[in-house]
Each structure stands twice: as C-alpha cells, then as structure tokens.
Amino acid sequence: LDEVVGAFAARDGGRVFHTVNRVI
C-alpha cells in the first residue's frame, strides 16, 4: 500500500501499475 502511494506521489504510472499487479 505504501508503495502504491509513493508511486502516485512520484507520478510514476508504470510503478503504480506494477505494484497493483503485485497486489493482484
């Protein structure tokens, strides 16, 4: 969850999707 928030804060869409994929 922290990783997703950090990715959003960094405006790093690729990292957001990568982390969400790890959640799934």
mmCIF file of all heavy atoms, coordinates in Angstrom:
data_MODEL
# 
_entry.id   MODEL 
# 
loop_
_atom_site.group_PDB 
_atom_site.id 
_atom_site.type_symbol 
_atom_site.label_atom_id 
_atom_site.label_alt_id 
_atom_site.label_comp_id 
_atom_site.label_asym_id 
_atom_site.label_entity_id 
_atom_site.label_seq_id 
_atom_site.pdbx_PDB_ins_code 
_atom_site.Cartn_x 
_atom_site.Cartn_y 
_atom_site.Cartn_z 
_atom_site.occupancy 
_atom_site.B_iso_or_equiv 
_atom_site.pdbx_formal_charge 
_atom_site.auth_seq_id 
_atom_site.auth_comp_id 
_atom_site.auth_asym_id 
_atom_site.auth_atom_id 
_atom_site.pdbx_PDB_model_num 
ATOM 1   N N   . LEU A 1 1  ? 0.831  -1.204  0.000   1.00 0.00 ? 1  LEU A N   1 
ATOM 2   C CA  . LEU A 1 1  ? 0.000  0.000   0.000   1.00 0.00 ? 1  LEU A CA  1 
ATOM 3   C C   . LEU A 1 1  ? 0.866  1.255   0.000   1.00 0.00 ? 1  LEU A C   1 
ATOM 4   O O   . LEU A 1 1  ? 0.592  2.206   -0.729  1.00 0.00 ? 1  LEU A O   1 
ATOM 5   C CB  . LEU A 1 1  ? -0.941 -0.009  1.210   1.00 0.00 ? 1  LEU A CB  1 
ATOM 6   C CG  . LEU A 1 1  ? -1.930 -1.165  1.283   1.00 0.00 ? 1  LEU A CG  1 
ATOM 7   C CD1 . LEU A 1 1  ? -2.744 -1.084  2.564   1.00 0.00 ? 1  LEU A CD1 1 
ATOM 8   C CD2 . LEU A 1 1  ? -2.829 -1.209  0.076   1.00 0.00 ? 1  LEU A CD2 1 
ATOM 9   N N   . ASP A 1 2  ? 1.928  1.229   0.815   1.00 0.00 ? 2  ASP A N   1 
ATOM 10  C CA  . ASP A 1 2  ? 2.846  2.378   0.848   1.00 0.00 ? 2  ASP A CA  1 
ATOM 11  C C   . ASP A 1 2  ? 3.530  2.569   -0.503  1.00 0.00 ? 2  ASP A C   1 
ATOM 12  O O   . ASP A 1 2  ? 3.762  3.692   -0.933  1.00 0.00 ? 2  ASP A O   1 
ATOM 13  C CB  . ASP A 1 2  ? 3.904  2.187   1.936   1.00 0.00 ? 2  ASP A CB  1 
ATOM 14  C CG  . ASP A 1 2  ? 3.321  2.285   3.341   1.00 0.00 ? 2  ASP A CG  1 
ATOM 15  O OD1 . ASP A 1 2  ? 2.194  2.809   3.491   1.00 0.00 ? 2  ASP A OD1 1 
ATOM 16  O OD2 . ASP A 1 2  ? 3.996  1.834   4.284   1.00 0.00 ? 2  ASP A OD2 1 
ATOM 17  N N   . GLU A 1 3  ? 3.830  1.449   -1.153  1.00 0.00 ? 3  GLU A N   1 
ATOM 18  C CA  . GLU A 1 3  ? 4.486  1.524   -2.455  1.00 0.00 ? 3  GLU A CA  1 
ATOM 19  C C   . GLU A 1 3  ? 3.559  2.171   -3.495  1.00 0.00 ? 3  GLU A C   1 
ATOM 20  O O   . GLU A 1 3  ? 4.006  2.971   -4.322  1.00 0.00 ? 3  GLU A O   1 
ATOM 21  C CB  . GLU A 1 3  ? 4.880  0.117   -2.903  1.00 0.00 ? 3  GLU A CB  1 
ATOM 22  C CG  . GLU A 1 3  ? 5.922  0.101   -3.992  1.00 0.00 ? 3  GLU A CG  1 
ATOM 23  C CD  . GLU A 1 3  ? 6.451  -1.302  -4.257  1.00 0.00 ? 3  GLU A CD  1 
ATOM 24  O OE1 . GLU A 1 3  ? 6.706  -2.046  -3.298  1.00 0.00 ? 3  GLU A OE1 1 
ATOM 25  O OE2 . GLU A 1 3  ? 6.597  -1.623  -5.444  1.00 0.00 ? 3  GLU A OE2 1 
ATOM 26  N N   . VAL A 1 4  ? 2.284  1.837   -3.455  1.00 0.00 ? 4  VAL A N   1 
ATOM 27  C CA  . VAL A 1 4  ? 1.312  2.447   -4.368  1.00 0.00 ? 4  VAL A CA  1 
ATOM 28  C C   . VAL A 1 4  ? 1.224  3.946   -4.118  1.00 0.00 ? 4  VAL A C   1 
ATOM 29  O O   . VAL A 1 4  ? 1.250  4.760   -5.052  1.00 0.00 ? 4  VAL A O   1 
ATOM 30  C CB  . VAL A 1 4  ? -0.080 1.793   -4.240  1.00 0.00 ? 4  VAL A CB  1 
ATOM 31  C CG1 . VAL A 1 4  ? -1.133 2.580   -5.001  1.00 0.00 ? 4  VAL A CG1 1 
ATOM 32  C CG2 . VAL A 1 4  ? -0.045 0.360   -4.733  1.00 0.00 ? 4  VAL A CG2 1 
ATOM 33  N N   . VAL A 1 5  ? 1.132  4.327   -2.857  1.00 0.00 ? 5  VAL A N   1 
ATOM 34  C CA  . VAL A 1 5  ? 1.049  5.752   -2.505  1.00 0.00 ? 5  VAL A CA  1 
ATOM 35  C C   . VAL A 1 5  ? 2.303  6.485   -2.973  1.00 0.00 ? 5  VAL A C   1 
ATOM 36  O O   . VAL A 1 5  ? 2.224  7.564   -3.560  1.00 0.00 ? 5  VAL A O   1 
ATOM 37  C CB  . VAL A 1 5  ? 0.828  5.940   -0.985  1.00 0.00 ? 5  VAL A CB  1 
ATOM 38  C CG1 . VAL A 1 5  ? 0.975  7.402   -0.589  1.00 0.00 ? 5  VAL A CG1 1 
ATOM 39  C CG2 . VAL A 1 5  ? -0.544 5.414   -0.590  1.00 0.00 ? 5  VAL A CG2 1 
ATOM 40  N N   . GLY A 1 6  ? 3.465  5.886   -2.753  1.00 0.00 ? 6  GLY A N   1 
ATOM 41  C CA  . GLY A 1 6  ? 4.714  6.500   -3.198  1.00 0.00 ? 6  GLY A CA  1 
ATOM 42  C C   . GLY A 1 6  ? 4.773  6.657   -4.700  1.00 0.00 ? 6  GLY A C   1 
ATOM 43  O O   . GLY A 1 6  ? 5.252  7.679   -5.218  1.00 0.00 ? 6  GLY A O   1 
ATOM 44  N N   . ALA A 1 7  ? 4.264  5.659   -5.423  1.00 0.00 ? 7  ALA A N   1 
ATOM 45  C CA  . ALA A 1 7  ? 4.255  5.736   -6.891  1.00 0.00 ? 7  ALA A CA  1 
ATOM 46  C C   . ALA A 1 7  ? 3.331  6.845   -7.371  1.00 0.00 ? 7  ALA A C   1 
ATOM 47  O O   . ALA A 1 7  ? 3.670  7.586   -8.306  1.00 0.00 ? 7  ALA A O   1 
ATOM 48  C CB  . ALA A 1 7  ? 3.834  4.391   -7.480  1.00 0.00 ? 7  ALA A CB  1 
ATOM 49  N N   . PHE A 1 8  ? 2.171  6.981   -6.733  1.00 0.00 ? 8  PHE A N   1 
ATOM 50  C CA  . PHE A 1 8  ? 1.260  8.077   -7.095  1.00 0.00 ? 8  PHE A CA  1 
ATOM 51  C C   . PHE A 1 8  ? 1.920  9.422   -6.797  1.00 0.00 ? 8  PHE A C   1 
ATOM 52  O O   . PHE A 1 8  ? 1.858  10.352  -7.613  1.00 0.00 ? 8  PHE A O   1 
ATOM 53  C CB  . PHE A 1 8  ? -0.067 7.972   -6.331  1.00 0.00 ? 8  PHE A CB  1 
ATOM 54  C CG  . PHE A 1 8  ? -1.103 7.143   -7.015  1.00 0.00 ? 8  PHE A CG  1 
ATOM 55  C CD1 . PHE A 1 8  ? -1.511 5.939   -6.450  1.00 0.00 ? 8  PHE A CD1 1 
ATOM 56  C CD2 . PHE A 1 8  ? -1.680 7.536   -8.213  1.00 0.00 ? 8  PHE A CD2 1 
ATOM 57  C CE1 . PHE A 1 8  ? -2.470 5.158   -7.069  1.00 0.00 ? 8  PHE A CE1 1 
ATOM 58  C CE2 . PHE A 1 8  ? -2.640 6.761   -8.845  1.00 0.00 ? 8  PHE A CE2 1 
ATOM 59  C CZ  . PHE A 1 8  ? -3.038 5.567   -8.272  1.00 0.00 ? 8  PHE A CZ  1 
ATOM 60  N N   . ALA A 1 9  ? 2.539  9.517   -5.636  1.00 0.00 ? 9  ALA A N   1 
ATOM 61  C CA  . ALA A 1 9  ? 3.186  10.774  -5.251  1.00 0.00 ? 9  ALA A CA  1 
ATOM 62  C C   . ALA A 1 9  ? 4.296  11.157  -6.217  1.00 0.00 ? 9  ALA A C   1 
ATOM 63  O O   . ALA A 1 9  ? 4.501  12.335  -6.510  1.00 0.00 ? 9  ALA A O   1 
ATOM 64  C CB  . ALA A 1 9  ? 3.731  10.678  -3.827  1.00 0.00 ? 9  ALA A CB  1 
ATOM 65  N N   . ALA A 1 10 ? 4.991  10.141  -6.740  1.00 0.00 ? 10 ALA A N   1 
ATOM 66  C CA  . ALA A 1 10 ? 6.076  10.391  -7.696  1.00 0.00 ? 10 ALA A CA  1 
ATOM 67  C C   . ALA A 1 10 ? 5.549  10.552  -9.126  1.00 0.00 ? 10 ALA A C   1 
ATOM 68  O O   . ALA A 1 10 ? 6.335  10.789  -10.043 1.00 0.00 ? 10 ALA A O   1 
ATOM 69  C CB  . ALA A 1 10 ? 7.076  9.239   -7.635  1.00 0.00 ? 10 ALA A CB  1 
ATOM 70  N N   . ARG A 1 11 ? 4.242  10.403  -9.273  1.00 0.00 ? 11 ARG A N   1 
ATOM 71  C CA  . ARG A 1 11 ? 3.603  10.481  -10.602 1.00 0.00 ? 11 ARG A CA  1 
ATOM 72  C C   . ARG A 1 11 ? 4.222  9.472   -11.575 1.00 0.00 ? 11 ARG A C   1 
ATOM 73  O O   . ARG A 1 11 ? 4.446  9.761   -12.734 1.00 0.00 ? 11 ARG A O   1 
ATOM 74  C CB  . ARG A 1 11 ? 3.669  11.892  -11.164 1.00 0.00 ? 11 ARG A CB  1 
ATOM 75  C CG  . ARG A 1 11 ? 2.943  12.905  -10.318 1.00 0.00 ? 11 ARG A CG  1 
ATOM 76  C CD  . ARG A 1 11 ? 3.065  14.303  -10.887 1.00 0.00 ? 11 ARG A CD  1 
ATOM 77  N NE  . ARG A 1 11 ? 2.480  15.274  -10.020 1.00 0.00 ? 11 ARG A NE  1 
ATOM 78  C CZ  . ARG A 1 11 ? 1.264  15.788  -10.175 1.00 0.00 ? 11 ARG A CZ  1 
ATOM 79  N NH1 . ARG A 1 11 ? 0.522  15.423  -11.168 1.00 0.00 ? 11 ARG A NH1 1 
ATOM 80  N NH2 . ARG A 1 11 ? 0.802  16.682  -9.321  1.00 0.00 ? 11 ARG A NH2 1 
ATOM 81  N N   . ASP A 1 12 ? 4.461  8.269   -11.024 1.00 0.00 ? 12 ASP A N   1 
ATOM 82  C CA  . ASP A 1 12 ? 5.085  7.194   -11.786 1.00 0.00 ? 12 ASP A CA  1 
ATOM 83  C C   . ASP A 1 12 ? 4.032  6.131   -12.097 1.00 0.00 ? 12 ASP A C   1 
ATOM 84  O O   . ASP A 1 12 ? 3.861  5.158   -11.362 1.00 0.00 ? 12 ASP A O   1 
ATOM 85  C CB  . ASP A 1 12 ? 6.245  6.595   -10.975 1.00 0.00 ? 12 ASP A CB  1 
ATOM 86  C CG  . ASP A 1 12 ? 7.052  5.567   -11.744 1.00 0.00 ? 12 ASP A CG  1 
ATOM 87  O OD1 . ASP A 1 12 ? 6.563  5.066   -12.777 1.00 0.00 ? 12 ASP A OD1 1 
ATOM 88  O OD2 . ASP A 1 12 ? 8.165  5.259   -11.281 1.00 0.00 ? 12 ASP A OD2 1 
ATOM 89  N N   . GLY A 1 13 ? 3.323  6.337   -13.205 1.00 0.00 ? 13 GLY A N   1 
ATOM 90  C CA  . GLY A 1 13 ? 2.236  5.445   -13.590 1.00 0.00 ? 13 GLY A CA  1 
ATOM 91  C C   . GLY A 1 13 ? 2.680  4.005   -13.780 1.00 0.00 ? 13 GLY A C   1 
ATOM 92  O O   . GLY A 1 13 ? 1.968  3.072   -13.407 1.00 0.00 ? 13 GLY A O   1 
ATOM 93  N N   . GLY A 1 14 ? 3.858  3.804   -14.351 1.00 0.00 ? 14 GLY A N   1 
ATOM 94  C CA  . GLY A 1 14 ? 4.365  2.450   -14.559 1.00 0.00 ? 14 GLY A CA  1 
ATOM 95  C C   . GLY A 1 14 ? 4.545  1.709   -13.251 1.00 0.00 ? 14 GLY A C   1 
ATOM 96  O O   . GLY A 1 14 ? 4.209  0.528   -13.137 1.00 0.00 ? 14 GLY A O   1 
ATOM 97  N N   . ARG A 1 15 ? 5.079  2.425   -12.256 1.00 0.00 ? 15 ARG A N   1 
ATOM 98  C CA  . ARG A 1 15 ? 5.279  1.802   -10.942 1.00 0.00 ? 15 ARG A CA  1 
ATOM 99  C C   . ARG A 1 15 ? 3.941  1.529   -10.256 1.00 0.00 ? 15 ARG A C   1 
ATOM 100 O O   . ARG A 1 15 ? 3.788  0.516   -9.572  1.00 0.00 ? 15 ARG A O   1 
ATOM 101 C CB  . ARG A 1 15 ? 6.161  2.704   -10.073 1.00 0.00 ? 15 ARG A CB  1 
ATOM 102 C CG  . ARG A 1 15 ? 6.761  1.964   -8.893  1.00 0.00 ? 15 ARG A CG  1 
ATOM 103 C CD  . ARG A 1 15 ? 7.848  2.785   -8.241  1.00 0.00 ? 15 ARG A CD  1 
ATOM 104 N NE  . ARG A 1 15 ? 7.330  3.292   -6.973  1.00 0.00 ? 15 ARG A NE  1 
ATOM 105 C CZ  . ARG A 1 15 ? 7.690  4.409   -6.392  1.00 0.00 ? 15 ARG A CZ  1 
ATOM 106 N NH1 . ARG A 1 15 ? 8.585  5.201   -6.958  1.00 0.00 ? 15 ARG A NH1 1 
ATOM 107 N NH2 . ARG A 1 15 ? 7.178  4.774   -5.241  1.00 0.00 ? 15 ARG A NH2 1 
ATOM 108 N N   . VAL A 1 16 ? 2.953  2.416   -10.460 1.00 0.00 ? 16 VAL A N   1 
ATOM 109 C CA  . VAL A 1 16 ? 1.617  2.182   -9.898  1.00 0.00 ? 16 VAL A CA  1 
ATOM 110 C C   . VAL A 1 16 ? 1.056  0.876   -10.450 1.00 0.00 ? 16 VAL A C   1 
ATOM 111 O O   . VAL A 1 16 ? 0.613  0.004   -9.694  1.00 0.00 ? 16 VAL A O   1 
ATOM 112 C CB  . VAL A 1 16 ? 0.649  3.352   -10.211 1.00 0.00 ? 16 VAL A CB  1 
ATOM 113 C CG1 . VAL A 1 16 ? -0.791 2.972   -9.849  1.00 0.00 ? 16 VAL A CG1 1 
ATOM 114 C CG2 . VAL A 1 16 ? 1.059  4.611   -9.479  1.00 0.00 ? 16 VAL A CG2 1 
ATOM 115 N N   . PHE A 1 17 ? 1.080  0.735   -11.779 1.00 0.00 ? 17 PHE A N   1 
ATOM 116 C CA  . PHE A 1 17 ? 0.522  -0.468  -12.391 1.00 0.00 ? 17 PHE A CA  1 
ATOM 117 C C   . PHE A 1 17 ? 1.297  -1.716  -11.991 1.00 0.00 ? 17 PHE A C   1 
ATOM 118 O O   . PHE A 1 17 ? 0.715  -2.777  -11.755 1.00 0.00 ? 17 PHE A O   1 
ATOM 119 C CB  . PHE A 1 17 ? 0.453  -0.328  -13.915 1.00 0.00 ? 17 PHE A CB  1 
ATOM 120 C CG  . PHE A 1 17 ? -0.688 0.540   -14.359 1.00 0.00 ? 17 PHE A CG  1 
ATOM 121 C CD1 . PHE A 1 17 ? -0.448 1.813   -14.839 1.00 0.00 ? 17 PHE A CD1 1 
ATOM 122 C CD2 . PHE A 1 17 ? -1.996 0.090   -14.279 1.00 0.00 ? 17 PHE A CD2 1 
ATOM 123 C CE1 . PHE A 1 17 ? -1.500 2.627   -15.242 1.00 0.00 ? 17 PHE A CE1 1 
ATOM 124 C CE2 . PHE A 1 17 ? -3.052 0.893   -14.668 1.00 0.00 ? 17 PHE A CE2 1 
ATOM 125 C CZ  . PHE A 1 17 ? -2.814 2.161   -15.147 1.00 0.00 ? 17 PHE A CZ  1 
ATOM 126 N N   . HIS A 1 18 ? 2.606  -1.608  -11.887 1.00 0.00 ? 18 HIS A N   1 
ATOM 127 C CA  . HIS A 1 18 ? 3.429  -2.747  -11.468 1.00 0.00 ? 18 HIS A CA  1 
ATOM 128 C C   . HIS A 1 18 ? 3.050  -3.182  -10.056 1.00 0.00 ? 18 HIS A C   1 
ATOM 129 O O   . HIS A 1 18 ? 2.905  -4.381  -9.778  1.00 0.00 ? 18 HIS A O   1 
ATOM 130 C CB  . HIS A 1 18 ? 4.918  -2.375  -11.542 1.00 0.00 ? 18 HIS A CB  1 
ATOM 131 C CG  . HIS A 1 18 ? 5.828  -3.428  -11.002 1.00 0.00 ? 18 HIS A CG  1 
ATOM 132 N ND1 . HIS A 1 18 ? 6.074  -4.605  -11.668 1.00 0.00 ? 18 HIS A ND1 1 
ATOM 133 C CD2 . HIS A 1 18 ? 6.519  -3.497  -9.839  1.00 0.00 ? 18 HIS A CD2 1 
ATOM 134 C CE1 . HIS A 1 18 ? 6.898  -5.351  -10.936 1.00 0.00 ? 18 HIS A CE1 1 
ATOM 135 N NE2 . HIS A 1 18 ? 7.179  -4.694  -9.823  1.00 0.00 ? 18 HIS A NE2 1 
ATOM 136 N N   . THR A 1 19 ? 2.863  -2.227  -9.162  1.00 0.00 ? 19 THR A N   1 
ATOM 137 C CA  . THR A 1 19 ? 2.528  -2.547  -7.778  1.00 0.00 ? 19 THR A CA  1 
ATOM 138 C C   . THR A 1 19 ? 1.118  -3.116  -7.667  1.00 0.00 ? 19 THR A C   1 
ATOM 139 O O   . THR A 1 19 ? 0.888  -4.081  -6.932  1.00 0.00 ? 19 THR A O   1 
ATOM 140 C CB  . THR A 1 19 ? 2.682  -1.304  -6.878  1.00 0.00 ? 19 THR A CB  1 
ATOM 141 O OG1 . THR A 1 19 ? 4.001  -0.777  -7.050  1.00 0.00 ? 19 THR A OG1 1 
ATOM 142 C CG2 . THR A 1 19 ? 2.467  -1.647  -5.417  1.00 0.00 ? 19 THR A CG2 1 
ATOM 143 N N   . VAL A 1 20 ? 0.179  -2.540  -8.406  1.00 0.00 ? 20 VAL A N   1 
ATOM 144 C CA  . VAL A 1 20 ? -1.187 -3.079  -8.406  1.00 0.00 ? 20 VAL A CA  1 
ATOM 145 C C   . VAL A 1 20 ? -1.174 -4.518  -8.925  1.00 0.00 ? 20 VAL A C   1 
ATOM 146 O O   . VAL A 1 20 ? -1.876 -5.388  -8.411  1.00 0.00 ? 20 VAL A O   1 
ATOM 147 C CB  . VAL A 1 20 ? -2.142 -2.184  -9.224  1.00 0.00 ? 20 VAL A CB  1 
ATOM 148 C CG1 . VAL A 1 20 ? -3.484 -2.876  -9.450  1.00 0.00 ? 20 VAL A CG1 1 
ATOM 149 C CG2 . VAL A 1 20 ? -2.349 -0.849  -8.524  1.00 0.00 ? 20 VAL A CG2 1 
ATOM 150 N N   . ASN A 1 21 ? -0.346 -4.778  -9.930  1.00 0.00 ? 21 ASN A N   1 
ATOM 151 C CA  . ASN A 1 21 ? -0.222 -6.141  -10.442 1.00 0.00 ? 21 ASN A CA  1 
ATOM 152 C C   . ASN A 1 21 ? 0.299  -7.081  -9.353  1.00 0.00 ? 21 ASN A C   1 
ATOM 153 O O   . ASN A 1 21 ? -0.157 -8.216  -9.234  1.00 0.00 ? 21 ASN A O   1 
ATOM 154 C CB  . ASN A 1 21 ? 0.694  -6.171  -11.669 1.00 0.00 ? 21 ASN A CB  1 
ATOM 155 C CG  . ASN A 1 21 ? 0.621  -7.496  -12.376 1.00 0.00 ? 21 ASN A CG  1 
ATOM 156 O OD1 . ASN A 1 21 ? -0.459 -8.010  -12.629 1.00 0.00 ? 21 ASN A OD1 1 
ATOM 157 N ND2 . ASN A 1 21 ? 1.773  -8.052  -12.702 1.00 0.00 ? 21 ASN A ND2 1 
ATOM 158 N N   . ARG A 1 22 ? 1.229  -6.617  -8.542  1.00 0.00 ? 22 ARG A N   1 
ATOM 159 C CA  . ARG A 1 22 ? 1.733  -7.429  -7.425  1.00 0.00 ? 22 ARG A CA  1 
ATOM 160 C C   . ARG A 1 22 ? 0.628  -7.702  -6.406  1.00 0.00 ? 22 ARG A C   1 
ATOM 161 O O   . ARG A 1 22 ? 0.570  -8.787  -5.820  1.00 0.00 ? 22 ARG A O   1 
ATOM 162 C CB  . ARG A 1 22 ? 2.924  -6.751  -6.759  1.00 0.00 ? 22 ARG A CB  1 
ATOM 163 C CG  . ARG A 1 22 ? 4.179  -6.834  -7.609  1.00 0.00 ? 22 ARG A CG  1 
ATOM 164 C CD  . ARG A 1 22 ? 5.378  -6.150  -7.000  1.00 0.00 ? 22 ARG A CD  1 
ATOM 165 N NE  . ARG A 1 22 ? 5.599  -6.494  -5.617  1.00 0.00 ? 22 ARG A NE  1 
ATOM 166 C CZ  . ARG A 1 22 ? 6.135  -5.664  -4.731  1.00 0.00 ? 22 ARG A CZ  1 
ATOM 167 N NH1 . ARG A 1 22 ? 6.514  -4.443  -5.096  1.00 0.00 ? 22 ARG A NH1 1 
ATOM 168 N NH2 . ARG A 1 22 ? 6.329  -6.030  -3.490  1.00 0.00 ? 22 ARG A NH2 1 
ATOM 169 N N   . VAL A 1 23 ? -0.254 -6.723  -6.195  1.00 0.00 ? 23 VAL A N   1 
ATOM 170 C CA  . VAL A 1 23 ? -1.398 -6.912  -5.294  1.00 0.00 ? 23 VAL A CA  1 
ATOM 171 C C   . VAL A 1 23 ? -2.282 -8.030  -5.840  1.00 0.00 ? 23 VAL A C   1 
ATOM 172 O O   . VAL A 1 23 ? -2.682 -8.949  -5.115  1.00 0.00 ? 23 VAL A O   1 
ATOM 173 C CB  . VAL A 1 23 ? -2.205 -5.598  -5.137  1.00 0.00 ? 23 VAL A CB  1 
ATOM 174 C CG1 . VAL A 1 23 ? -3.530 -5.845  -4.430  1.00 0.00 ? 23 VAL A CG1 1 
ATOM 175 C CG2 . VAL A 1 23 ? -1.382 -4.549  -4.387  1.00 0.00 ? 23 VAL A CG2 1 
ATOM 176 N N   . ILE A 1 24 ? -2.561 -7.974  -7.143  1.00 0.00 ? 24 ILE A N   1 
ATOM 177 C CA  . ILE A 1 24 ? -3.410 -8.995  -7.777  1.00 0.00 ? 24 ILE A CA  1 
ATOM 178 C C   . ILE A 1 24 ? -2.741 -10.359 -7.727  1.00 0.00 ? 24 ILE A C   1 
ATOM 179 O O   . ILE A 1 24 ? -3.377 -11.363 -7.390  1.00 0.00 ? 24 ILE A O   1 
ATOM 180 C CB  . ILE A 1 24 ? -3.728 -8.588  -9.231  1.00 0.00 ? 24 ILE A CB  1 
ATOM 181 C CG1 . ILE A 1 24 ? -4.600 -7.328  -9.239  1.00 0.00 ? 24 ILE A CG1 1 
ATOM 182 C CG2 . ILE A 1 24 ? -4.422 -9.726  -9.975  1.00 0.00 ? 24 ILE A CG2 1 
ATOM 183 C CD1 . ILE A 1 24 ? -4.724 -6.670  -10.603 1.00 0.00 ? 24 ILE A CD1 1 
# 
